[in-house]
């Protein structure tokens, strides 16, 4: 699935606004996903910590459907975290 460059550019501001919402940890473009099933349709994918506690989101952005994907992010362990006291 090819994503036009102008669409990527048009979604930069809405992506920043969405990632500012509590519980949203990322925004991307890709296949629409609903209930772990993928569809051959381009969508704005909003990644959230908890799909049961999603902030109010638009249903479409620039004519694309918005789908919510539960994807929690855990901090990576650094070298300092691996040292033993």
C-alpha atoms as a PDB file:
ATOM      1  CA  UNK A   1       0.000   0.000   0.000  1.00  0.00           C
ATOM      2  CA  UNK A   2       1.585   3.230  -1.150  1.00  0.00           C
ATOM      3  CA  UNK A   3       1.050   6.364   0.937  1.00  0.00           C
ATOM      4  CA  UNK A   4       1.221   9.701  -0.919  1.00  0.00           C
ATOM      5  CA  UNK A   5       3.816  12.117   0.474  1.00  0.00           C
ATOM      6  CA  UNK A   6       1.322  15.005   0.523  1.00  0.00           C
ATOM      7  CA  UNK A   7      -0.970  12.953   2.783  1.00  0.00           C
ATOM      8  CA  UNK A   8       1.890  12.346   5.212  1.00  0.00           C
ATOM      9  CA  UNK A   9       2.586  16.082   5.271  1.00  0.00           C
ATOM     10  CA  UNK A  10      -1.109  16.934   5.757  1.00  0.00           C
ATOM     11  CA  UNK A  11      -1.307  14.648   8.791  1.00  0.00           C
ATOM     12  CA  UNK A  12       1.672  16.157  10.658  1.00  0.00           C
ATOM     13  CA  UNK A  13      -0.372  18.737  12.612  1.00  0.00           C
ATOM     14  CA  UNK A  14      -3.291  16.416  13.469  1.00  0.00           C
ATOM     15  CA  UNK A  15      -0.767  13.787  14.614  1.00  0.00           C
ATOM     16  CA  UNK A  16       0.859  16.282  16.995  1.00  0.00           C
ATOM     17  CA  UNK A  17      -2.539  17.251  18.388  1.00  0.00           C
ATOM     18  CA  UNK A  18      -3.523  13.602  18.919  1.00  0.00           C
ATOM     19  CA  UNK A  19      -0.268  12.637  20.632  1.00  0.00           C
ATOM     20  CA  UNK A  20      -0.836  15.484  23.102  1.00  0.00           C
ATOM     21  CA  UNK A  21      -3.925  13.643  24.408  1.00  0.00           C
ATOM     22  CA  UNK A  22      -3.646  11.585  27.592  1.00  0.00           C
ATOM     23  CA  UNK A  23      -3.204   7.885  26.773  1.00  0.00           C
ATOM     24  CA  UNK A  24      -2.228   8.397  23.108  1.00  0.00           C
ATOM     25  CA  UNK A  25       1.358   7.345  22.495  1.00  0.00           C
ATOM     26  CA  UNK A  26       1.585   7.458  18.721  1.00  0.00           C
ATOM     27  CA  UNK A  27      -0.086   8.100  15.378  1.00  0.00           C
ATOM     28  CA  UNK A  28       0.629   6.441  12.072  1.00  0.00           C
ATOM     29  CA  UNK A  29      -0.744   5.630   8.660  1.00  0.00           C
ATOM     30  CA  UNK A  30      -1.437   2.085   7.599  1.00  0.00           C
ATOM     31  CA  UNK A  31      -4.058  -0.562   7.090  1.00  0.00           C
ATOM     32  CA  UNK A  32      -7.324  -0.089   8.951  1.00  0.00           C
ATOM     33  CA  UNK A  33      -7.582  -2.451  11.901  1.00  0.00           C
ATOM     34  CA  UNK A  34     -10.730  -3.275  13.848  1.00  0.00           C
ATOM     35  CA  UNK A  35     -10.867  -5.989  16.531  1.00  0.00           C
ATOM     36  CA  UNK A  36      -7.466  -7.343  15.437  1.00  0.00           C
ATOM     37  CA  UNK A  37      -8.711  -7.776  11.843  1.00  0.00           C
ATOM     38  CA  UNK A  38      -6.959  -5.879   9.034  1.00  0.00           C
ATOM     39  CA  UNK A  39      -8.718  -4.331   6.040  1.00  0.00           C
ATOM     40  CA  UNK A  40      -7.228  -3.235   2.717  1.00  0.00           C
ATOM     41  CA  UNK A  41      -8.044   0.399   3.434  1.00  0.00           C
ATOM     42  CA  UNK A  42      -5.693   3.216   4.387  1.00  0.00           C
ATOM     43  CA  UNK A  43      -6.399   4.630   7.849  1.00  0.00           C
ATOM     44  CA  UNK A  44      -4.984   6.912  10.509  1.00  0.00           C
ATOM     45  CA  UNK A  45      -3.850   4.526  13.245  1.00  0.00           C
ATOM     46  CA  UNK A  46      -3.947   5.990  16.759  1.00  0.00           C
ATOM     47  CA  UNK A  47      -1.883   3.971  19.235  1.00  0.00           C
ATOM     48  CA  UNK A  48      -3.134   4.053  22.826  1.00  0.00           C
ATOM     49  CA  UNK A  49      -2.078   2.568  26.154  1.00  0.00           C
ATOM     50  CA  UNK A  50      -5.521   1.155  26.917  1.00  0.00           C
ATOM     51  CA  UNK A  51      -8.211   0.642  24.273  1.00  0.00           C
ATOM     52  CA  UNK A  52     -10.896   0.626  26.963  1.00  0.00           C
ATOM     53  CA  UNK A  53      -9.970   4.166  28.057  1.00  0.00           C
ATOM     54  CA  UNK A  54      -9.627   6.157  24.832  1.00  0.00           C
ATOM     55  CA  UNK A  55      -9.943   9.946  24.712  1.00  0.00           C
ATOM     56  CA  UNK A  56     -12.513  11.405  22.336  1.00  0.00           C
ATOM     57  CA  UNK A  57     -11.117  11.085  18.809  1.00  0.00           C
ATOM     58  CA  UNK A  58     -12.387  12.154  15.403  1.00  0.00           C
ATOM     59  CA  UNK A  59     -13.852   9.379  13.234  1.00  0.00           C
ATOM     60  CA  UNK A  60     -12.018  10.701  10.159  1.00  0.00           C
ATOM     61  CA  UNK A  61      -8.991  12.865   9.451  1.00  0.00           C
ATOM     62  CA  UNK A  62      -8.444  14.231   5.927  1.00  0.00           C
ATOM     63  CA  UNK A  63     -11.039  11.771   4.657  1.00  0.00           C
ATOM     64  CA  UNK A  64      -9.340   8.730   6.208  1.00  0.00           C
ATOM     65  CA  UNK A  65     -10.981   6.591   8.875  1.00  0.00           C
ATOM     66  CA  UNK A  66      -9.399   6.655  12.327  1.00  0.00           C
ATOM     67  CA  UNK A  67      -8.763   3.343  14.043  1.00  0.00           C
ATOM     68  CA  UNK A  68      -7.598   2.798  17.597  1.00  0.00           C
ATOM     69  CA  UNK A  69      -4.821   0.286  18.238  1.00  0.00           C
ATOM     70  CA  UNK A  70      -3.869  -0.736  21.762  1.00  0.00           C
ATOM     71  CA  UNK A  71      -0.088  -0.521  21.959  1.00  0.00           C
ATOM     72  CA  UNK A  72       1.448   0.365  25.278  1.00  0.00           C
ATOM     73  CA  UNK A  73       5.000   1.621  25.378  1.00  0.00           C
ATOM     74  CA  UNK A  74       7.387   0.607  28.106  1.00  0.00           C
ATOM     75  CA  UNK A  75      10.624   2.492  28.693  1.00  0.00           C
ATOM     76  CA  UNK A  76      13.727   0.738  27.427  1.00  0.00           C
ATOM     77  CA  UNK A  77      16.252  -0.343  29.990  1.00  0.00           C
ATOM     78  CA  UNK A  78      19.506   1.476  29.677  1.00  0.00           C
ATOM     79  CA  UNK A  79      22.997   0.351  30.631  1.00  0.00           C
ATOM     80  CA  UNK A  80      22.698   2.239  33.920  1.00  0.00           C
ATOM     81  CA  UNK A  81      19.580   0.230  34.806  1.00  0.00           C
ATOM     82  CA  UNK A  82      21.466  -3.042  34.371  1.00  0.00           C
ATOM     83  CA  UNK A  83      24.228  -2.254  36.901  1.00  0.00           C
ATOM     84  CA  UNK A  84      24.097  -4.143  40.122  1.00  0.00           C
ATOM     85  CA  UNK A  85      24.446  -2.132  43.352  1.00  0.00           C
END
